[in-house]
Amino acid sequence: MTEPEETIAAAPARRRAPGADPVVRSFGSARTCAADECETHLSRYNPDSFCSVHRGWDRQVVTRRRRAEEDEG
């Protein structure tokens, strides 16, 4: 698998004003999921090579520790 090359969508000749919004990263256009037989188009702002279905991030069980009683306040 090849990870997409990161490009920065900003004009290199212009200076950014102090306090301006951060530069938006993009990873190319017209990309599709790297899984076999998947034709899902990926967003240019998605750094991953797979769509959310094939990456499986939504299937992972996320557990978080409860805060201690003294921390709640």
PDB file of N, CA and C in Angstrom:
ATOM      1  N   MET A   1       0.834  -1.185   0.000  1.00  0.00           N
ATOM      2  CA  MET A   1       0.000   0.000   0.000  1.00  0.00           C
ATOM      3  C   MET A   1       0.874   1.242   0.000  1.00  0.00           C
ATOM      4  N   THR A   2       0.472   2.188  -0.737  1.00  0.00           N
ATOM      5  CA  THR A   2       1.196   3.451  -0.798  1.00  0.00           C
ATOM      6  C   THR A   2       0.346   4.532  -0.165  1.00  0.00           C
ATOM      7  N   GLU A   3       0.918   5.241   0.777  1.00  0.00           N
ATOM      8  CA  GLU A   3       0.206   6.335   1.423  1.00  0.00           C
ATOM      9  C   GLU A   3       0.232   7.541   0.492  1.00  0.00           C
ATOM     10  N   PRO A   4      -0.845   8.309   0.456  1.00  0.00           N
ATOM     11  CA  PRO A   4      -0.881   9.477  -0.428  1.00  0.00           C
ATOM     12  C   PRO A   4       0.105  10.542   0.034  1.00  0.00           C
ATOM     13  N   GLU A   5       0.629  11.254  -0.943  1.00  0.00           N
ATOM     14  CA  GLU A   5       1.548  12.334  -0.613  1.00  0.00           C
ATOM     15  C   GLU A   5       0.738  13.541  -0.154  1.00  0.00           C
ATOM     16  N   GLU A   6       1.224  14.175   0.877  1.00  0.00           N
ATOM     17  CA  GLU A   6       0.527  15.330   1.421  1.00  0.00           C
ATOM     18  C   GLU A   6       0.885  16.563   0.613  1.00  0.00           C
ATOM     19  N   THR A   7      -0.134  17.319   0.247  1.00  0.00           N
ATOM     20  CA  THR A   7       0.090  18.593  -0.421  1.00  0.00           C
ATOM     21  C   THR A   7      -0.617  19.671   0.385  1.00  0.00           C
ATOM     22  N   ILE A   8      -0.118  20.856   0.322  1.00  0.00           N
ATOM     23  CA  ILE A   8      -0.721  21.967   1.046  1.00  0.00           C
ATOM     24  C   ILE A   8      -1.365  22.893   0.035  1.00  0.00           C
ATOM     25  N   ALA A   9      -2.659  23.130   0.229  1.00  0.00           N
ATOM     26  CA  ALA A   9      -3.422  23.944  -0.705  1.00  0.00           C
ATOM     27  C   ALA A   9      -3.313  25.408  -0.311  1.00  0.00           C
ATOM     28  N   ALA A  10      -2.205  26.027  -0.635  1.00  0.00           N
ATOM     29  CA  ALA A  10      -2.019  27.442  -0.357  1.00  0.00           C
ATOM     30  C   ALA A  10      -1.107  28.021  -1.435  1.00  0.00           C
ATOM     31  N   ALA A  11      -1.323  29.269  -1.748  1.00  0.00           N
ATOM     32  CA  ALA A  11      -0.485  29.931  -2.740  1.00  0.00           C
ATOM     33  C   ALA A  11       0.866  30.245  -2.095  1.00  0.00           C
ATOM     34  N   PRO A  12       1.964  29.725  -2.632  1.00  0.00           N
ATOM     35  CA  PRO A  12       3.269  29.918  -1.992  1.00  0.00           C
ATOM     36  C   PRO A  12       3.779  31.350  -2.041  1.00  0.00           C
ATOM     37  N   ALA A  13       3.294  32.178  -2.954  1.00  0.00           N
ATOM     38  CA  ALA A  13       3.815  33.530  -3.084  1.00  0.00           C
ATOM     39  C   ALA A  13       3.171  34.504  -2.094  1.00  0.00           C
ATOM     40  N   ARG A  14       2.024  34.143  -1.526  1.00  0.00           N
ATOM     41  CA  ARG A  14       1.325  35.057  -0.630  1.00  0.00           C
ATOM     42  C   ARG A  14       1.725  34.821   0.811  1.00  0.00           C
ATOM     43  N   ARG A  15       1.826  35.894   1.556  1.00  0.00           N
ATOM     44  CA  ARG A  15       2.090  35.776   2.990  1.00  0.00           C
ATOM     45  C   ARG A  15       0.757  35.703   3.709  1.00  0.00           C
ATOM     46  N   ARG A  16       0.731  34.941   4.781  1.00  0.00           N
ATOM     47  CA  ARG A  16      -0.495  34.806   5.557  1.00  0.00           C
ATOM     48  C   ARG A  16      -0.521  35.854   6.656  1.00  0.00           C
ATOM     49  N   ALA A  17      -1.670  36.399   6.876  1.00  0.00           N
ATOM     50  CA  ALA A  17      -1.832  37.424   7.904  1.00  0.00           C
ATOM     51  C   ALA A  17      -1.701  36.802   9.285  1.00  0.00           C
ATOM     52  N   PRO A  18      -1.168  37.549  10.249  1.00  0.00           N
ATOM     53  CA  PRO A  18      -1.121  37.020  11.616  1.00  0.00           C
ATOM     54  C   PRO A  18      -2.533  36.715  12.107  1.00  0.00           C
ATOM     55  N   GLY A  19      -2.723  35.541  12.701  1.00  0.00           N
ATOM     56  CA  GLY A  19      -4.024  35.137  13.196  1.00  0.00           C
ATOM     57  C   GLY A  19      -4.936  34.539  12.140  1.00  0.00           C
ATOM     58  N   ALA A  20      -4.427  34.335  10.930  1.00  0.00           N
ATOM     59  CA  ALA A  20      -5.240  33.753   9.863  1.00  0.00           C
ATOM     60  C   ALA A  20      -5.495  32.275  10.149  1.00  0.00           C
ATOM     61  N   ASP A  21      -6.499  31.719   9.500  1.00  0.00           N
ATOM     62  CA  ASP A  21      -6.800  30.299   9.663  1.00  0.00           C
ATOM     63  C   ASP A  21      -5.603  29.459   9.224  1.00  0.00           C
ATOM     64  N   PRO A  22      -5.438  28.261   9.822  1.00  0.00           N
ATOM     65  CA  PRO A  22      -4.315  27.412   9.435  1.00  0.00           C
ATOM     66  C   PRO A  22      -4.450  26.926   7.990  1.00  0.00           C
ATOM     67  N   VAL A  23      -3.335  26.550   7.393  1.00  0.00           N
ATOM     68  CA  VAL A  23      -3.317  26.047   6.027  1.00  0.00           C
ATOM     69  C   VAL A  23      -4.048  24.706   6.001  1.00  0.00           C
ATOM     70  N   VAL A  24      -4.877  24.492   4.994  1.00  0.00           N
ATOM     71  CA  VAL A  24      -5.644  23.250   4.865  1.00  0.00           C
ATOM     72  C   VAL A  24      -4.802  22.221   4.125  1.00  0.00           C
ATOM     73  N   ARG A  25      -4.675  21.026   4.726  1.00  0.00           N
ATOM     74  CA  ARG A  25      -3.921  19.955   4.078  1.00  0.00           C
ATOM     75  C   ARG A  25      -4.842  19.184   3.144  1.00  0.00           C
ATOM     76  N   SER A  26      -4.333  18.787   1.990  1.00  0.00           N
ATOM     77  CA  SER A  26      -5.105  17.935   1.090  1.00  0.00           C
ATOM     78  C   SER A  26      -4.187  16.832   0.576  1.00  0.00           C
ATOM     79  N   PHE A  27      -4.790  15.732   0.182  1.00  0.00           N
ATOM     80  CA  PHE A  27      -4.025  14.535  -0.155  1.00  0.00           C
ATOM     81  C   PHE A  27      -4.306  14.042  -1.562  1.00  0.00           C
ATOM     82  N   GLY A  28      -4.656  14.922  -2.458  1.00  0.00           N
ATOM     83  CA  GLY A  28      -4.901  14.555  -3.840  1.00  0.00           C
ATOM     84  C   GLY A  28      -6.380  14.355  -4.108  1.00  0.00           C
ATOM     85  N   SER A  29      -6.744  14.419  -5.368  1.00  0.00           N
ATOM     86  CA  SER A  29      -8.143  14.234  -5.731  1.00  0.00           C
ATOM     87  C   SER A  29      -8.288  12.970  -6.566  1.00  0.00           C
ATOM     88  N   ALA A  30      -9.506  12.543  -6.775  1.00  0.00           N
ATOM     89  CA  ALA A  30      -9.831  11.352  -7.575  1.00  0.00           C
ATOM     90  C   ALA A  30      -9.177  10.095  -7.000  1.00  0.00           C
ATOM     91  N   ARG A  31      -9.204   9.958  -5.663  1.00  0.00           N
ATOM     92  CA  ARG A  31      -8.673   8.754  -5.033  1.00  0.00           C
ATOM     93  C   ARG A  31      -9.827   7.835  -4.665  1.00  0.00           C
ATOM     94  N   THR A  32      -9.580   6.538  -4.730  1.00  0.00           N
ATOM     95  CA  THR A  32     -10.565   5.547  -4.321  1.00  0.00           C
ATOM     96  C   THR A  32      -9.967   4.678  -3.230  1.00  0.00           C
ATOM     97  N   CYS A  33     -10.835   3.973  -2.515  1.00  0.00           N
ATOM     98  CA  CYS A  33     -10.416   3.088  -1.426  1.00  0.00           C
ATOM     99  C   CYS A  33      -9.447   2.036  -1.955  1.00  0.00           C
ATOM    100  N   ALA A  34      -8.437   1.689  -1.171  1.00  0.00           N
ATOM    101  CA  ALA A  34      -7.418   0.733  -1.587  1.00  0.00           C
ATOM    102  C   ALA A  34      -7.855  -0.720  -1.412  1.00  0.00           C
ATOM    103  N   ALA A  35      -9.024  -0.955  -0.812  1.00  0.00           N
ATOM    104  CA  ALA A  35      -9.514  -2.332  -0.636  1.00  0.00           C
ATOM    105  C   ALA A  35      -9.925  -2.915  -1.989  1.00  0.00           C
ATOM    106  N   ASP A  36      -9.770  -4.220  -2.131  1.00  0.00           N
ATOM    107  CA  ASP A  36     -10.134  -4.894  -3.379  1.00  0.00           C
ATOM    108  C   ASP A  36     -11.621  -4.702  -3.681  1.00  0.00           C
ATOM    109  N   GLU A  37     -11.928  -4.351  -4.916  1.00  0.00           N
ATOM    110  CA  GLU A  37     -13.285  -4.203  -5.429  1.00  0.00           C
ATOM    111  C   GLU A  37     -14.099  -3.109  -4.752  1.00  0.00           C
ATOM    112  N   CYS A  38     -13.485  -2.194  -4.045  1.00  0.00           N
ATOM    113  CA  CYS A  38     -14.200  -1.067  -3.441  1.00  0.00           C
ATOM    114  C   CYS A  38     -14.001   0.154  -4.327  1.00  0.00           C
ATOM    115  N   GLU A  39     -15.098   0.797  -4.676  1.00  0.00           N
ATOM    116  CA  GLU A  39     -15.031   1.954  -5.560  1.00  0.00           C
ATOM    117  C   GLU A  39     -15.405   3.251  -4.846  1.00  0.00           C
ATOM    118  N   THR A  40     -15.304   3.258  -3.518  1.00  0.00           N
ATOM    119  CA  THR A  40     -15.650   4.448  -2.744  1.00  0.00           C
ATOM    120  C   THR A  40     -14.638   5.553  -3.006  1.00  0.00           C
ATOM    121  N   HIS A  41     -15.141   6.730  -3.332  1.00  0.00           N
ATOM    122  CA  HIS A  41     -14.274   7.882  -3.571  1.00  0.00           C
ATOM    123  C   HIS A  41     -13.899   8.491  -2.226  1.00  0.00           C
ATOM    124  N   LEU A  42     -12.626   8.773  -2.047  1.00  0.00           N
ATOM    125  CA  LEU A  42     -12.135   9.359  -0.800  1.00  0.00           C
ATOM    126  C   LEU A  42     -12.063  10.872  -0.927  1.00  0.00           C
ATOM    127  N   SER A  43     -12.319  11.545   0.164  1.00  0.00           N
ATOM    128  CA  SER A  43     -12.208  12.993   0.200  1.00  0.00           C
ATOM    129  C   SER A  43     -10.743  13.399   0.056  1.00  0.00           C
ATOM    130  N   ARG A  44     -10.509  14.528  -0.571  1.00  0.00           N
ATOM    131  CA  ARG A  44      -9.124  15.003  -0.692  1.00  0.00           C
ATOM    132  C   ARG A  44      -8.541  15.374   0.658  1.00  0.00           C
ATOM    133  N   TYR A  45      -9.391  15.547   1.666  1.00  0.00           N
ATOM    134  CA  TYR A  45      -8.934  15.911   3.005  1.00  0.00           C
ATOM    135  C   TYR A  45      -8.754  14.695   3.910  1.00  0.00           C
ATOM    136  N   ASN A  46      -9.043  13.503   3.411  1.00  0.00           N
ATOM    137  CA  ASN A  46      -8.884  12.261   4.155  1.00  0.00           C
ATOM    138  C   ASN A  46      -7.476  11.717   3.905  1.00  0.00           C
ATOM    139  N   PRO A  47      -6.616  11.659   4.930  1.00  0.00           N
ATOM    140  CA  PRO A  47      -5.249  11.192   4.707  1.00  0.00           C
ATOM    141  C   PRO A  47      -5.144   9.674   4.557  1.00  0.00           C
ATOM    142  N   ASP A  48      -6.202   8.933   4.860  1.00  0.00           N
ATOM    143  CA  ASP A  48      -6.163   7.478   4.818  1.00  0.00           C
ATOM    144  C   ASP A  48      -6.310   6.957   3.389  1.00  0.00           C
ATOM    145  N   SER A  49      -5.852   5.731   3.146  1.00  0.00           N
ATOM    146  CA  SER A  49      -5.977   5.101   1.836  1.00  0.00           C
ATOM    147  C   SER A  49      -7.230   4.243   1.729  1.00  0.00           C
ATOM    148  N   PHE A  50      -7.922   4.046   2.857  1.00  0.00           N
ATOM    149  CA  PHE A  50      -9.115   3.217   2.885  1.00  0.00           C
ATOM    150  C   PHE A  50     -10.324   4.044   3.317  1.00  0.00           C
ATOM    151  N   CYS A  51     -11.515   3.598   2.893  1.00  0.00           N
ATOM    152  CA  CYS A  51     -12.744   4.233   3.354  1.00  0.00           C
ATOM    153  C   CYS A  51     -13.032   3.774   4.778  1.00  0.00           C
ATOM    154  N   SER A  52     -14.017   4.383   5.423  1.00  0.00           N
ATOM    155  CA  SER A  52     -14.302   4.050   6.822  1.00  0.00           C
ATOM    156  C   SER A  52     -14.808   2.628   6.988  1.00  0.00           C
ATOM    157  N   VAL A  53     -15.461   2.073   5.983  1.00  0.00           N
ATOM    158  CA  VAL A  53     -15.954   0.692   6.072  1.00  0.00           C
ATOM    159  C   VAL A  53     -14.790  -0.288   6.095  1.00  0.00           C
ATOM    160  N   HIS A  54     -13.781  -0.075   5.263  1.00  0.00           N
ATOM    161  CA  HIS A  54     -12.670  -1.027   5.176  1.00  0.00           C
ATOM    162  C   HIS A  54     -11.573  -0.767   6.195  1.00  0.00           C
ATOM    163  N   ARG A  55     -11.507   0.421   6.750  1.00  0.00           N
ATOM    164  CA  ARG A  55     -10.533   0.681   7.807  1.00  0.00           C
ATOM    165  C   ARG A  55     -11.016   0.073   9.115  1.00  0.00           C
ATOM    166  N   GLY A  56     -12.328   0.071   9.322  1.00  0.00           N
ATOM    167  CA  GLY A  56     -12.901  -0.572  10.492  1.00  0.00           C
ATOM    168  C   GLY A  56     -12.865   0.259  11.752  1.00  0.00           C
ATOM    169  N   TRP A  57     -12.632   1.564  11.653  1.00  0.00           N
ATOM    170  CA  TRP A  57     -12.559   2.392  12.857  1.00  0.00           C
ATOM    171  C   TRP A  57     -13.884   2.403  13.605  1.00  0.00           C
ATOM    172  N   ASP A  58     -15.002   2.251  12.891  1.00  0.00           N
ATOM    173  CA  ASP A  58     -16.294   2.313  13.556  1.00  0.00           C
ATOM    174  C   ASP A  58     -16.667   1.017  14.269  1.00  0.00           C
ATOM    175  N   ARG A  59     -15.894  -0.032  14.055  1.00  0.00           N
ATOM    176  CA  ARG A  59     -16.188  -1.307  14.695  1.00  0.00           C
ATOM    177  C   ARG A  59     -15.366  -1.527  15.953  1.00  0.00           C
ATOM    178  N   GLN A  60     -14.403  -0.668  16.218  1.00  0.00           N
ATOM    179  CA  GLN A  60     -13.564  -0.824  17.393  1.00  0.00           C
ATOM    180  C   GLN A  60     -14.329  -0.394  18.636  1.00  0.00           C
ATOM    181  N   VAL A  61     -14.185  -1.170  19.695  1.00  0.00           N
ATOM    182  CA  VAL A  61     -14.828  -0.838  20.952  1.00  0.00           C
ATOM    183  C   VAL A  61     -13.926   0.151  21.689  1.00  0.00           C
ATOM    184  N   VAL A  62     -14.485   1.300  22.016  1.00  0.00           N
ATOM    185  CA  VAL A  62     -13.727   2.321  22.713  1.00  0.00           C
ATOM    186  C   VAL A  62     -14.187   2.341  24.161  1.00  0.00           C
ATOM    187  N   THR A  63     -13.255   2.111  25.063  1.00  0.00           N
ATOM    188  CA  THR A  63     -13.595   2.176  26.481  1.00  0.00           C
ATOM    189  C   THR A  63     -12.807   3.310  27.111  1.00  0.00           C
ATOM    190  N   ARG A  64     -13.476   3.997  28.011  1.00  0.00           N
ATOM    191  CA  ARG A  64     -12.818   5.100  28.703  1.00  0.00           C
ATOM    192  C   ARG A  64     -12.950   4.871  30.195  1.00  0.00           C
ATOM    193  N   ARG A  65     -11.915   5.212  30.916  1.00  0.00           N
ATOM    194  CA  ARG A  65     -11.962   5.084  32.374  1.00  0.00           C
ATOM    195  C   ARG A  65     -12.870   6.151  32.951  1.00  0.00           C
ATOM    196  N   ARG A  66     -13.549   5.797  33.995  1.00  0.00           N
ATOM    197  CA  ARG A  66     -14.372   6.783  34.680  1.00  0.00           C
ATOM    198  C   ARG A  66     -13.489   7.697  35.501  1.00  0.00           C
ATOM    199  N   ARG A  67     -13.924   8.930  35.621  1.00  0.00           N
ATOM    200  CA  ARG A  67     -13.169   9.863  36.446  1.00  0.00           C
ATOM    201  C   ARG A  67     -13.355   9.495  37.922  1.00  0.00           C
ATOM    202  N   ALA A  68     -12.352   9.743  38.711  1.00  0.00           N
ATOM    203  CA  ALA A  68     -12.448   9.493  40.152  1.00  0.00           C
ATOM    204  C   ALA A  68     -13.451  10.460  40.747  1.00  0.00           C
ATOM    205  N   GLU A  69     -14.076  10.071  41.859  1.00  0.00           N
ATOM    206  CA  GLU A  69     -15.098  10.921  42.472  1.00  0.00           C
ATOM    207  C   GLU A  69     -14.555  12.276  42.896  1.00  0.00           C
ATOM    208  N   GLU A  70     -13.300  12.327  43.331  1.00  0.00           N
ATOM    209  CA  GLU A  70     -12.740  13.597  43.772  1.00  0.00           C
ATOM    210  C   GLU A  70     -12.460  14.539  42.607  1.00  0.00           C
ATOM    211  N   ASP A  71     -12.296  13.985  41.356  1.00  0.00           N
ATOM    212  CA  ASP A  71     -12.074  14.827  40.185  1.00  0.00           C
ATOM    213  C   ASP A  71     -13.356  15.501  39.712  1.00  0.00           C
ATOM    214  N   GLU A  72     -14.506  14.888  40.023  1.00  0.00           N
ATOM    215  CA  GLU A  72     -15.780  15.480  39.616  1.00  0.00           C
ATOM    216  C   GLU A  72     -16.093  16.617  40.571  1.00  0.00           C
ATOM    217  N   GLY A  73     -16.355  17.730  40.062  1.00  0.00           N
ATOM    218  CA  GLY A  73     -16.613  18.765  41.044  1.00  0.00           C
ATOM    219  C   GLY A  73     -17.106  19.995  40.547  1.00  0.00           C
TER     220      GLY A  73
END
